[in-house]
PDB file of N, CA and C in Angstrom:
ATOM      1  N   MET A   1      21.042   5.803  34.520  1.00  0.00           N
ATOM      2  CA  MET A   1      22.100   5.330  33.764  1.00  0.00           C
ATOM      3  C   MET A   1      22.440   4.265  32.225  1.00  0.00           C
ATOM      4  N   LYS A   2      22.966   4.934  31.838  1.00  0.00           N
ATOM      5  CA  LYS A   2      22.821   4.371  30.167  1.00  0.00           C
ATOM      6  C   LYS A   2      23.356   2.657  30.344  1.00  0.00           C
ATOM      7  N   THR A   3      23.514   2.225  29.116  1.00  0.00           N
ATOM      8  CA  THR A   3      23.711   0.340  29.147  1.00  0.00           C
ATOM      9  C   THR A   3      24.992   0.539  29.449  1.00  0.00           C
ATOM     10  N   GLN A   4      25.987   1.775  28.573  1.00  0.00           N
ATOM     11  CA  GLN A   4      27.280   1.490  28.654  1.00  0.00           C
ATOM     12  C   GLN A   4      28.024   1.719  29.925  1.00  0.00           C
ATOM     13  N   GLU A   5      27.233   2.307  31.348  1.00  0.00           N
ATOM     14  CA  GLU A   5      27.845   2.422  32.475  1.00  0.00           C
ATOM     15  C   GLU A   5      27.165   1.713  33.128  1.00  0.00           C
ATOM     16  N   TYR A   6      26.174   1.476  33.095  1.00  0.00           N
ATOM     17  CA  TYR A   6      26.171  -0.881  33.513  1.00  0.00           C
ATOM     18  C   TYR A   6      26.749  -1.533  33.265  1.00  0.00           C
ATOM     19  N   LYS A   7      26.957  -1.519  31.794  1.00  0.00           N
ATOM     20  CA  LYS A   7      28.257  -2.517  31.422  1.00  0.00           C
ATOM     21  C   LYS A   7      29.336  -2.580  32.175  1.00  0.00           C
ATOM     22  N   THR A   8      30.750  -0.954  32.604  1.00  0.00           N
ATOM     23  CA  THR A   8      30.838  -1.001  33.300  1.00  0.00           C
ATOM     24  C   THR A   8      30.891  -1.249  34.793  1.00  0.00           C
ATOM     25  N   LEU A   9      29.745  -0.524  35.201  1.00  0.00           N
ATOM     26  CA  LEU A   9      29.336  -1.613  35.716  1.00  0.00           C
ATOM     27  C   LEU A   9      28.972  -3.041  37.183  1.00  0.00           C
ATOM     28  N   LEU A  10      29.117  -3.892  35.918  1.00  0.00           N
ATOM     29  CA  LEU A  10      29.055  -5.410  36.205  1.00  0.00           C
ATOM     30  C   LEU A  10      30.855  -5.646  35.430  1.00  0.00           C
ATOM     31  N   THR A  11      31.496  -5.526  34.655  1.00  0.00           N
ATOM     32  CA  THR A  11      32.635  -5.981  34.965  1.00  0.00           C
ATOM     33  C   THR A  11      33.299  -5.252  35.077  1.00  0.00           C
ATOM     34  N   MET A  12      33.099  -4.208  36.885  1.00  0.00           N
ATOM     35  CA  MET A  12      33.704  -4.124  37.444  1.00  0.00           C
ATOM     36  C   MET A  12      33.011  -4.985  38.945  1.00  0.00           C
ATOM     37  N   LYS A  13      31.937  -5.481  39.005  1.00  0.00           N
ATOM     38  CA  LYS A  13      31.604  -6.543  39.932  1.00  0.00           C
ATOM     39  C   LYS A  13      32.010  -8.011  39.653  1.00  0.00           C
ATOM     40  N   LEU A  14      32.311  -8.058  38.459  1.00  0.00           N
ATOM     41  CA  LEU A  14      33.066  -9.361  37.714  1.00  0.00           C
ATOM     42  C   LEU A  14      34.166  -9.742  38.302  1.00  0.00           C
ATOM     43  N   GLN A  15      35.214  -8.543  37.821  1.00  0.00           N
ATOM     44  CA  GLN A  15      36.766  -8.787  38.667  1.00  0.00           C
ATOM     45  C   GLN A  15      37.133  -8.627  40.294  1.00  0.00           C
ATOM     46  N   ASP A  16      35.249  -7.853  40.725  1.00  0.00           N
ATOM     47  CA  ASP A  16      35.635  -8.054  42.031  1.00  0.00           C
ATOM     48  C   ASP A  16      35.176  -9.743  42.757  1.00  0.00           C
ATOM     49  N   ILE A  17      34.752 -10.106  42.345  1.00  0.00           N
ATOM     50  CA  ILE A  17      34.353 -11.379  42.326  1.00  0.00           C
ATOM     51  C   ILE A  17      35.137 -12.620  42.018  1.00  0.00           C
ATOM     52  N   GLU A  18      35.811 -12.311  40.816  1.00  0.00           N
ATOM     53  CA  GLU A  18      37.674 -12.735  40.810  1.00  0.00           C
ATOM     54  C   GLU A  18      38.361 -12.743  41.904  1.00  0.00           C
ATOM     55  N   LYS A  19      38.415 -10.883  41.973  1.00  0.00           N
ATOM     56  CA  LYS A  19      39.611 -11.283  43.459  1.00  0.00           C
ATOM     57  C   LYS A  19      39.294 -11.760  44.020  1.00  0.00           C
ATOM     58  N   SER A  20      38.298 -12.169  44.746  1.00  0.00           N
ATOM     59  CA  SER A  20      37.699 -12.471  45.706  1.00  0.00           C
ATOM     60  C   SER A  20      37.838 -14.091  46.230  1.00  0.00           C
ATOM     61  N   HIS A  21      38.569 -14.818  45.187  1.00  0.00           N
ATOM     62  CA  HIS A  21      37.581 -16.193  45.171  1.00  0.00           C
ATOM     63  C   HIS A  21      38.188 -16.746  46.448  1.00  0.00           C
ATOM     64  N   VAL A  22      37.322 -17.440  46.665  1.00  0.00           N
ATOM     65  CA  VAL A  22      37.590 -18.598  47.725  1.00  0.00           C
ATOM     66  C   VAL A  22      38.977 -19.473  47.201  1.00  0.00           C
ATOM     67  N   SER A  23      40.125 -19.409  47.905  1.00  0.00           N
ATOM     68  CA  SER A  23      41.169 -20.640  48.069  1.00  0.00           C
ATOM     69  C   SER A  23      40.784 -21.758  48.622  1.00  0.00           C
ATOM     70  N   PRO A  24      41.287 -22.647  47.869  1.00  0.00           N
ATOM     71  CA  PRO A  24      41.454 -24.502  48.449  1.00  0.00           C
ATOM     72  C   PRO A  24      41.358 -24.436  49.835  1.00  0.00           C
ATOM     73  N   GLU A  25      42.563 -23.536  50.292  1.00  0.00           N
ATOM     74  CA  GLU A  25      42.914 -23.854  51.517  1.00  0.00           C
ATOM     75  C   GLU A  25      41.635 -23.128  52.775  1.00  0.00           C
ATOM     76  N   GLU A  26      40.694 -22.988  52.472  1.00  0.00           N
ATOM     77  CA  GLU A  26      39.290 -22.116  53.348  1.00  0.00           C
ATOM     78  C   GLU A  26      38.432 -23.227  53.295  1.00  0.00           C
ATOM     79  N   ILE A  27      38.269 -23.919  52.360  1.00  0.00           N
ATOM     80  CA  ILE A  27      37.473 -25.042  52.050  1.00  0.00           C
ATOM     81  C   ILE A  27      37.930 -26.555  52.744  1.00  0.00           C
ATOM     82  N   ALA A  28      39.160 -26.296  53.292  1.00  0.00           N
ATOM     83  CA  ALA A  28      40.118 -27.784  53.020  1.00  0.00           C
ATOM     84  C   ALA A  28      39.524 -28.627  54.709  1.00  0.00           C
ATOM     85  N   ILE A  29      39.600 -29.946  54.620  1.00  0.00           N
ATOM     86  CA  ILE A  29      39.130 -30.228  56.282  1.00  0.00           C
ATOM     87  C   ILE A  29      39.773 -30.877  56.422  1.00  0.00           C
ATOM     88  N   GLU A  30      40.292 -30.156  57.915  1.00  0.00           N
ATOM     89  CA  GLU A  30      41.153 -30.429  58.416  1.00  0.00           C
ATOM     90  C   GLU A  30      40.284 -30.791  59.585  1.00  0.00           C
ATOM     91  N   ARG A  31      41.504 -32.086  60.356  1.00  0.00           N
ATOM     92  CA  ARG A  31      41.646 -32.914  62.208  1.00  0.00           C
ATOM     93  C   ARG A  31      41.756 -31.671  63.030  1.00  0.00           C
ATOM     94  N   SER A  32      41.393 -31.810  64.427  1.00  0.00           N
ATOM     95  CA  SER A  32      41.553 -31.123  65.385  1.00  0.00           C
ATOM     96  C   SER A  32      41.426 -31.692  66.314  1.00  0.00           C
ATOM     97  N   ALA A  33      42.839 -32.245  67.185  1.00  0.00           N
ATOM     98  CA  ALA A  33      41.875 -32.835  68.595  1.00  0.00           C
ATOM     99  C   ALA A  33      40.947 -31.859  69.961  1.00  0.00           C
ATOM    100  N   GLU A  34      40.657 -30.652  69.003  1.00  0.00           N
ATOM    101  CA  GLU A  34      39.910 -29.619  69.944  1.00  0.00           C
ATOM    102  C   GLU A  34      38.556 -29.999  69.474  1.00  0.00           C
ATOM    103  N   ILE A  35      37.930 -29.790  69.804  1.00  0.00           N
ATOM    104  CA  ILE A  35      36.651 -30.145  68.943  1.00  0.00           C
ATOM    105  C   ILE A  35      35.789 -28.473  69.039  1.00  0.00           C
ATOM    106  N   MET A  36      36.357 -28.006  69.930  1.00  0.00           N
ATOM    107  CA  MET A  36      36.009 -26.318  69.502  1.00  0.00           C
ATOM    108  C   MET A  36      36.422 -26.152  68.412  1.00  0.00           C
ATOM    109  N   ASP A  37      37.755 -26.319  68.065  1.00  0.00           N
ATOM    110  CA  ASP A  37      38.468 -26.257  67.332  1.00  0.00           C
ATOM    111  C   ASP A  37      37.908 -26.411  65.888  1.00  0.00           C
ATOM    112  N   GLU A  38      37.451 -28.203  65.275  1.00  0.00           N
ATOM    113  CA  GLU A  38      36.893 -28.889  64.677  1.00  0.00           C
ATOM    114  C   GLU A  38      35.665 -28.002  64.357  1.00  0.00           C
ATOM    115  N   ILE A  39      34.840 -27.483  65.222  1.00  0.00           N
ATOM    116  CA  ILE A  39      33.611 -27.030  65.413  1.00  0.00           C
ATOM    117  C   ILE A  39      33.410 -25.975  64.472  1.00  0.00           C
ATOM    118  N   GLN A  40      34.525 -24.408  65.312  1.00  0.00           N
ATOM    119  CA  GLN A  40      34.899 -23.336  64.333  1.00  0.00           C
ATOM    120  C   GLN A  40      35.772 -24.063  62.501  1.00  0.00           C
ATOM    121  N   GLN A  41      36.355 -24.668  62.644  1.00  0.00           N
ATOM    122  CA  GLN A  41      36.443 -24.596  61.291  1.00  0.00           C
ATOM    123  C   GLN A  41      35.640 -25.307  60.573  1.00  0.00           C
ATOM    124  N   THR A  42      34.601 -26.036  61.312  1.00  0.00           N
ATOM    125  CA  THR A  42      33.801 -26.442  60.034  1.00  0.00           C
ATOM    126  C   THR A  42      33.023 -25.494  59.890  1.00  0.00           C
ATOM    127  N   ALA A  43      32.328 -24.421  60.423  1.00  0.00           N
ATOM    128  CA  ALA A  43      31.762 -23.221  60.724  1.00  0.00           C
ATOM    129  C   ALA A  43      32.228 -22.672  58.899  1.00  0.00           C
ATOM    130  N   ASP A  44      33.221 -22.340  59.306  1.00  0.00           N
ATOM    131  CA  ASP A  44      34.148 -21.144  58.670  1.00  0.00           C
ATOM    132  C   ASP A  44      34.368 -21.918  57.415  1.00  0.00           C
ATOM    133  N   ARG A  45      34.406 -23.040  57.318  1.00  0.00           N
ATOM    134  CA  ARG A  45      33.793 -23.801  55.770  1.00  0.00           C
ATOM    135  C   ARG A  45      33.058 -23.870  55.474  1.00  0.00           C
ATOM    136  N   ASP A  46      32.088 -24.211  55.752  1.00  0.00           N
ATOM    137  CA  ASP A  46      30.581 -23.573  55.275  1.00  0.00           C
ATOM    138  C   ASP A  46      30.083 -22.632  55.240  1.00  0.00           C
ATOM    139  N   LEU A  47      30.908 -21.249  55.632  1.00  0.00           N
ATOM    140  CA  LEU A  47      30.678 -20.255  55.380  1.00  0.00           C
ATOM    141  C   LEU A  47      31.685 -20.141  54.309  1.00  0.00           C
ATOM    142  N   ALA A  48      32.576 -20.177  53.415  1.00  0.00           N
ATOM    143  CA  ALA A  48      33.299 -20.524  52.465  1.00  0.00           C
ATOM    144  C   ALA A  48      32.622 -21.167  51.317  1.00  0.00           C
ATOM    145  N   LEU A  49      31.967 -22.023  51.592  1.00  0.00           N
ATOM    146  CA  LEU A  49      31.258 -22.816  50.610  1.00  0.00           C
ATOM    147  C   LEU A  49      30.287 -21.953  50.169  1.00  0.00           C
ATOM    148  N   THR A  50      29.540 -21.639  51.004  1.00  0.00           N
ATOM    149  CA  THR A  50      28.081 -20.340  50.786  1.00  0.00           C
ATOM    150  C   THR A  50      28.572 -19.842  50.111  1.00  0.00           C
ATOM    151  N   THR A  51      29.709 -18.325  50.570  1.00  0.00           N
ATOM    152  CA  THR A  51      30.121 -17.510  49.780  1.00  0.00           C
ATOM    153  C   THR A  51      30.592 -18.012  48.592  1.00  0.00           C
ATOM    154  N   ARG A  52      31.164 -18.782  48.159  1.00  0.00           N
ATOM    155  CA  ARG A  52      31.562 -19.502  46.548  1.00  0.00           C
ATOM    156  C   ARG A  52      30.320 -19.792  45.775  1.00  0.00           C
ATOM    157  N   ALA A  53      29.664 -20.514  46.592  1.00  0.00           N
ATOM    158  CA  ALA A  53      27.866 -20.839  45.522  1.00  0.00           C
ATOM    159  C   ALA A  53      27.197 -19.698  45.213  1.00  0.00           C
ATOM    160  N   LEU A  54      27.594 -18.304  46.046  1.00  0.00           N
ATOM    161  CA  LEU A  54      27.138 -17.193  46.407  1.00  0.00           C
ATOM    162  C   LEU A  54      27.794 -16.767  44.903  1.00  0.00           C
ATOM    163  N   SER A  55      28.807 -16.313  45.190  1.00  0.00           N
ATOM    164  CA  SER A  55      29.938 -16.349  44.293  1.00  0.00           C
ATOM    165  C   SER A  55      29.301 -16.082  42.589  1.00  0.00           C
ATOM    166  N   TRP A  56      29.874 -17.370  42.426  1.00  0.00           N
ATOM    167  CA  TRP A  56      29.272 -18.057  41.637  1.00  0.00           C
ATOM    168  C   TRP A  56      28.287 -18.240  40.728  1.00  0.00           C
ATOM    169  N   ARG A  57      26.761 -17.432  41.563  1.00  0.00           N
ATOM    170  CA  ARG A  57      25.725 -17.621  40.963  1.00  0.00           C
ATOM    171  C   ARG A  57      25.499 -16.783  40.064  1.00  0.00           C
ATOM    172  N   ILE A  58      25.741 -15.563  41.586  1.00  0.00           N
ATOM    173  CA  ILE A  58      26.139 -13.743  40.457  1.00  0.00           C
ATOM    174  C   ILE A  58      27.475 -13.669  39.184  1.00  0.00           C
ATOM    175  N   SER A  59      28.211 -14.237  39.285  1.00  0.00           N
ATOM    176  CA  SER A  59      29.093 -14.235  38.164  1.00  0.00           C
ATOM    177  C   SER A  59      28.303 -14.790  36.776  1.00  0.00           C
ATOM    178  N   VAL A  60      27.786 -16.152  37.020  1.00  0.00           N
ATOM    179  CA  VAL A  60      26.570 -16.419  35.896  1.00  0.00           C
ATOM    180  C   VAL A  60      26.281 -15.032  35.449  1.00  0.00           C
ATOM    181  N   ALA A  61      25.151 -14.474  36.500  1.00  0.00           N
ATOM    182  CA  ALA A  61      23.796 -13.908  36.057  1.00  0.00           C
ATOM    183  C   ALA A  61      25.007 -12.321  35.475  1.00  0.00           C
ATOM    184  N   ILE A  62      26.203 -11.742  35.772  1.00  0.00           N
ATOM    185  CA  ILE A  62      26.829 -10.857  35.593  1.00  0.00           C
ATOM    186  C   ILE A  62      27.233 -11.557  33.885  1.00  0.00           C
ATOM    187  N   HIS A  63      27.120 -12.298  33.732  1.00  0.00           N
ATOM    188  CA  HIS A  63      27.845 -12.713  32.234  1.00  0.00           C
ATOM    189  C   HIS A  63      26.653 -12.855  31.757  1.00  0.00           C
ATOM    190  N   ALA A  64      25.594 -13.267  32.060  1.00  0.00           N
ATOM    191  CA  ALA A  64      24.533 -13.348  31.110  1.00  0.00           C
ATOM    192  C   ALA A  64      23.603 -12.130  31.229  1.00  0.00           C
ATOM    193  N   ALA A  65      24.429 -10.621  31.551  1.00  0.00           N
ATOM    194  CA  ALA A  65      23.567  -9.537  31.796  1.00  0.00           C
ATOM    195  C   ALA A  65      24.666  -9.045  30.851  1.00  0.00           C
ATOM    196  N   LEU A  66      25.976  -8.862  30.687  1.00  0.00           N
ATOM    197  CA  LEU A  66      26.954  -9.015  29.574  1.00  0.00           C
ATOM    198  C   LEU A  66      26.702  -9.233  28.842  1.00  0.00           C
ATOM    199  N   ASP A  67      26.061 -10.200  28.373  1.00  0.00           N
ATOM    200  CA  ASP A  67      25.297 -10.721  27.056  1.00  0.00           C
ATOM    201  C   ASP A  67      24.201 -10.434  26.678  1.00  0.00           C
ATOM    202  N   ARG A  68      22.952  -9.809  27.151  1.00  0.00           N
ATOM    203  CA  ARG A  68      22.499  -9.327  27.062  1.00  0.00           C
ATOM    204  C   ARG A  68      22.629  -8.052  26.486  1.00  0.00           C
ATOM    205  N   VAL A  69      23.710  -7.166  26.957  1.00  0.00           N
ATOM    206  CA  VAL A  69      23.868  -5.655  26.970  1.00  0.00           C
ATOM    207  C   VAL A  69      24.393  -5.692  24.862  1.00  0.00           C
ATOM    208  N   ALA A  70      25.169  -6.601  25.030  1.00  0.00           N
ATOM    209  CA  ALA A  70      26.031  -7.231  24.072  1.00  0.00           C
ATOM    210  C   ALA A  70      24.697  -7.021  22.563  1.00  0.00           C
ATOM    211  N   ALA A  71      23.966  -8.120  23.301  1.00  0.00           N
ATOM    212  CA  ALA A  71      22.955  -8.058  22.326  1.00  0.00           C
ATOM    213  C   ALA A  71      21.721  -7.051  22.066  1.00  0.00           C
ATOM    214  N   GLY A  72      21.416  -6.166  22.989  1.00  0.00           N
ATOM    215  CA  GLY A  72      20.942  -4.573  23.107  1.00  0.00           C
ATOM    216  C   GLY A  72      19.945  -5.175  23.722  1.00  0.00           C
ATOM    217  N   SER A  73      19.701  -5.984  24.154  1.00  0.00           N
ATOM    218  CA  SER A  73      18.439  -6.497  25.304  1.00  0.00           C
ATOM    219  C   SER A  73      18.114  -6.553  26.835  1.00  0.00           C
ATOM    220  N   PHE A  74      19.780  -5.615  26.973  1.00  0.00           N
ATOM    221  CA  PHE A  74      19.606  -5.309  28.464  1.00  0.00           C
ATOM    222  C   PHE A  74      19.260  -4.042  29.238  1.00  0.00           C
ATOM    223  N   GLY A  75      18.175  -4.635  29.751  1.00  0.00           N
ATOM    224  CA  GLY A  75      17.028  -3.866  31.008  1.00  0.00           C
ATOM    225  C   GLY A  75      15.838  -3.962  30.743  1.00  0.00           C
ATOM    226  N   ILE A  76      15.556  -5.381  29.878  1.00  0.00           N
ATOM    227  CA  ILE A  76      14.221  -5.421  28.798  1.00  0.00           C
ATOM    228  C   ILE A  76      13.576  -6.993  30.012  1.00  0.00           C
ATOM    229  N   CYS A  77      13.121  -7.050  30.721  1.00  0.00           N
ATOM    230  CA  CYS A  77      12.472  -8.655  31.433  1.00  0.00           C
ATOM    231  C   CYS A  77      12.243  -9.702  30.454  1.00  0.00           C
ATOM    232  N   LEU A  78      13.407 -10.735  31.381  1.00  0.00           N
ATOM    233  CA  LEU A  78      13.424 -12.136  29.968  1.00  0.00           C
ATOM    234  C   LEU A  78      12.366 -13.278  30.561  1.00  0.00           C
ATOM    235  N   SER A  79      10.893 -12.171  31.246  1.00  0.00           N
ATOM    236  CA  SER A  79      10.142 -13.268  31.104  1.00  0.00           C
ATOM    237  C   SER A  79       8.361 -12.107  31.216  1.00  0.00           C
ATOM    238  N   CYS A  80       8.399 -11.378  30.508  1.00  0.00           N
ATOM    239  CA  CYS A  80       7.243 -10.534  30.468  1.00  0.00           C
ATOM    240  C   CYS A  80       6.994  -9.196  29.418  1.00  0.00           C
ATOM    241  N   ASP A  81       8.754  -9.061  28.859  1.00  0.00           N
ATOM    242  CA  ASP A  81       9.029  -8.362  28.046  1.00  0.00           C
ATOM    243  C   ASP A  81       9.597  -6.857  28.192  1.00  0.00           C
ATOM    244  N   GLU A  82       8.792  -6.602  29.031  1.00  0.00           N
ATOM    245  CA  GLU A  82       9.202  -5.085  29.636  1.00  0.00           C
ATOM    246  C   GLU A  82      10.295  -4.308  30.170  1.00  0.00           C
ATOM    247  N   PRO A  83      10.165  -3.436  30.123  1.00  0.00           N
ATOM    248  CA  PRO A  83      11.389  -2.860  31.162  1.00  0.00           C
ATOM    249  C   PRO A  83      11.802  -3.143  32.261  1.00  0.00           C
ATOM    250  N   ILE A  84      12.964  -3.238  33.105  1.00  0.00           N
ATOM    251  CA  ILE A  84      13.077  -3.062  34.072  1.00  0.00           C
ATOM    252  C   ILE A  84      13.398  -2.296  34.349  1.00  0.00           C
ATOM    253  N   THR A  85      12.531  -1.626  35.681  1.00  0.00           N
ATOM    254  CA  THR A  85      13.238  -0.666  36.036  1.00  0.00           C
ATOM    255  C   THR A  85      14.561   0.174  36.443  1.00  0.00           C
ATOM    256  N   GLU A  86      14.580   1.059  36.358  1.00  0.00           N
ATOM    257  CA  GLU A  86      16.263   1.973  36.815  1.00  0.00           C
ATOM    258  C   GLU A  86      16.577   1.190  38.140  1.00  0.00           C
ATOM    259  N   ARG A  87      15.699   1.757  39.123  1.00  0.00           N
ATOM    260  CA  ARG A  87      15.410   1.828  39.975  1.00  0.00           C
ATOM    261  C   ARG A  87      16.196   0.109  40.298  1.00  0.00           C
ATOM    262  N   ARG A  88      15.766  -0.509  40.368  1.00  0.00           N
ATOM    263  CA  ARG A  88      16.064  -2.345  40.132  1.00  0.00           C
ATOM    264  C   ARG A  88      17.511  -2.266  40.067  1.00  0.00           C
ATOM    265  N   LEU A  89      17.565  -1.961  38.273  1.00  0.00           N
ATOM    266  CA  LEU A  89      18.932  -1.992  38.417  1.00  0.00           C
ATOM    267  C   LEU A  89      20.291  -1.310  38.423  1.00  0.00           C
ATOM    268  N   ASN A  90      19.673  -0.336  39.402  1.00  0.00           N
ATOM    269  CA  ASN A  90      20.844   0.807  39.814  1.00  0.00           C
ATOM    270  C   ASN A  90      21.343  -0.148  41.184  1.00  0.00           C
ATOM    271  N   VAL A  91      20.365  -1.447  41.653  1.00  0.00           N
ATOM    272  CA  VAL A  91      20.731  -2.212  42.818  1.00  0.00           C
ATOM    273  C   VAL A  91      21.053  -3.257  42.724  1.00  0.00           C
ATOM    274  N   LEU A  92      20.168  -3.529  41.569  1.00  0.00           N
ATOM    275  CA  LEU A  92      20.948  -5.193  40.991  1.00  0.00           C
ATOM    276  C   LEU A  92      20.837  -5.261  39.319  1.00  0.00           C
ATOM    277  N   PRO A  93      22.432  -4.836  38.986  1.00  0.00           N
ATOM    278  CA  PRO A  93      22.727  -4.383  37.826  1.00  0.00           C
ATOM    279  C   PRO A  93      22.570  -5.777  37.081  1.00  0.00           C
ATOM    280  N   TRP A  94      22.520  -6.740  37.175  1.00  0.00           N
ATOM    281  CA  TRP A  94      22.686  -8.074  36.287  1.00  0.00           C
ATOM    282  C   TRP A  94      21.337  -8.893  36.420  1.00  0.00           C
ATOM    283  N   ALA A  95      20.065  -7.870  37.226  1.00  0.00           N
ATOM    284  CA  ALA A  95      18.887  -8.520  37.334  1.00  0.00           C
ATOM    285  C   ALA A  95      17.837  -8.731  35.667  1.00  0.00           C
ATOM    286  N   GLY A  96      18.008  -9.614  35.463  1.00  0.00           N
ATOM    287  CA  GLY A  96      16.878 -10.348  34.544  1.00  0.00           C
ATOM    288  C   GLY A  96      15.776 -10.088  34.005  1.00  0.00           C
ATOM    289  N   GLN A  97      14.972 -10.129  35.624  1.00  0.00           N
ATOM    290  CA  GLN A  97      13.783  -9.898  35.219  1.00  0.00           C
ATOM    291  C   GLN A  97      13.293  -8.908  36.385  1.00  0.00           C
ATOM    292  N   CYS A  98      11.590  -7.758  35.942  1.00  0.00           N
ATOM    293  CA  CYS A  98      11.401  -6.855  36.684  1.00  0.00           C
ATOM    294  C   CYS A  98      10.912  -7.501  37.597  1.00  0.00           C
ATOM    295  N   ILE A  99      10.716  -6.534  38.724  1.00  0.00           N
ATOM    296  CA  ILE A  99      10.790  -6.921  40.587  1.00  0.00           C
ATOM    297  C   ILE A  99       9.426  -7.727  40.457  1.00  0.00           C
ATOM    298  N   VAL A 100       8.160  -7.179  39.080  1.00  0.00           N
ATOM    299  CA  VAL A 100       6.774  -8.191  39.303  1.00  0.00           C
ATOM    300  C   VAL A 100       6.942  -9.337  39.191  1.00  0.00           C
ATOM    301  N   CYS A 101       7.552 -10.087  37.811  1.00  0.00           N
ATOM    302  CA  CYS A 101       8.082 -11.337  37.726  1.00  0.00           C
ATOM    303  C   CYS A 101       9.347 -12.123  38.779  1.00  0.00           C
ATOM    304  N   GLN A 102       9.880 -11.676  38.884  1.00  0.00           N
ATOM    305  CA  GLN A 102      11.070 -12.221  39.929  1.00  0.00           C
ATOM    306  C   GLN A 102      10.168 -12.768  41.201  1.00  0.00           C
ATOM    307  N   GLN A 103       9.054 -11.821  41.863  1.00  0.00           N
ATOM    308  CA  GLN A 103       8.561 -12.161  42.964  1.00  0.00           C
ATOM    309  C   GLN A 103       7.704 -13.477  42.105  1.00  0.00           C
ATOM    310  N   ARG A 104       7.323 -12.888  41.139  1.00  0.00           N
ATOM    311  CA  ARG A 104       6.097 -14.018  40.805  1.00  0.00           C
ATOM    312  C   ARG A 104       6.433 -15.651  40.692  1.00  0.00           C
ATOM    313  N   GLU A 105       7.800 -15.346  40.407  1.00  0.00           N
ATOM    314  CA  GLU A 105       9.080 -16.903  40.425  1.00  0.00           C
ATOM    315  C   GLU A 105       8.932 -17.339  41.884  1.00  0.00           C
ATOM    316  N   GLU A 106       9.580 -16.541  42.018  1.00  0.00           N
ATOM    317  CA  GLU A 106      10.007 -16.827  43.359  1.00  0.00           C
ATOM    318  C   GLU A 106       9.425 -17.384  44.645  1.00  0.00           C
ATOM    319  N   ASN A 107       7.287 -16.917  44.476  1.00  0.00           N
ATOM    320  CA  ASN A 107       6.181 -17.580  45.417  1.00  0.00           C
ATOM    321  C   ASN A 107       5.897 -18.681  44.895  1.00  0.00           C
ATOM    322  N   GLU A 108       6.436 -19.021  42.966  1.00  0.00           N
ATOM    323  CA  GLU A 108       5.961 -20.105  42.923  1.00  0.00           C
ATOM    324  C   GLU A 108       7.449 -21.371  43.013  1.00  0.00           C
ATOM    325  N   LEU A 109       7.923 -21.132  43.246  1.00  0.00           N
ATOM    326  CA  LEU A 109       8.968 -22.377  44.198  1.00  0.00           C
ATOM    327  C   LEU A 109       8.600 -22.656  45.381  1.00  0.00           C
ATOM    328  N   VAL A 110       8.205 -21.220  45.937  1.00  0.00           N
ATOM    329  CA  VAL A 110       7.987 -21.174  47.327  1.00  0.00           C
ATOM    330  C   VAL A 110       6.995 -22.884  47.452  1.00  0.00           C
ATOM    331  N   LEU A 111       5.742 -22.225  46.201  1.00  0.00           N
ATOM    332  CA  LEU A 111       4.745 -22.880  46.833  1.00  0.00           C
ATOM    333  C   LEU A 111       5.103 -24.061  47.108  1.00  0.00           C
ATOM    334  N   ALA A 112       6.091 -24.455  45.406  1.00  0.00           N
ATOM    335  CA  ALA A 112       6.027 -25.994  44.725  1.00  0.00           C
ATOM    336  C   ALA A 112       7.299 -26.861  45.649  1.00  0.00           C
ATOM    337  N   ALA A 113       8.319 -25.986  46.672  1.00  0.00           N
ATOM    338  CA  ALA A 113       8.644 -26.432  47.805  1.00  0.00           C
ATOM    339  C   ALA A 113       7.601 -26.768  48.253  1.00  0.00           C
ATOM    340  N   ALA A 114       6.719 -26.166  49.003  1.00  0.00           N
ATOM    341  CA  ALA A 114       5.628 -26.594  50.167  1.00  0.00           C
ATOM    342  C   ALA A 114       4.852 -27.951  49.916  1.00  0.00           C
ATOM    343  N   ALA A 115       4.308 -28.492  48.289  1.00  0.00           N
ATOM    344  CA  ALA A 115       3.816 -29.380  48.316  1.00  0.00           C
ATOM    345  C   ALA A 115       4.461 -30.285  47.687  1.00  0.00           C
TER     346      ALA A 115
END
């Protein structure tokens, strides 16, 4: 896939995220006389907040990827300066690292959290 095609894909994904924005009503705290209703509302609110946080993280990554497209560095790993495989970019077009560097970073985070 060409860089321009990735740019179009990234822009479309960003628009999808913006359309599926979680509304404040979905995270509002409401009290209920029924404990089961309150438990369900809490679970729904937690899911909405998690979805909102994930959408925000992906949106930030997409903006960074679009900046790399504009700078001419899209598809180059931010850690090792090697090309990111087309296979990885087809799955995760906003990826800023090759799979090796991404896995290394995740392993370091796991080890740091365990310490």
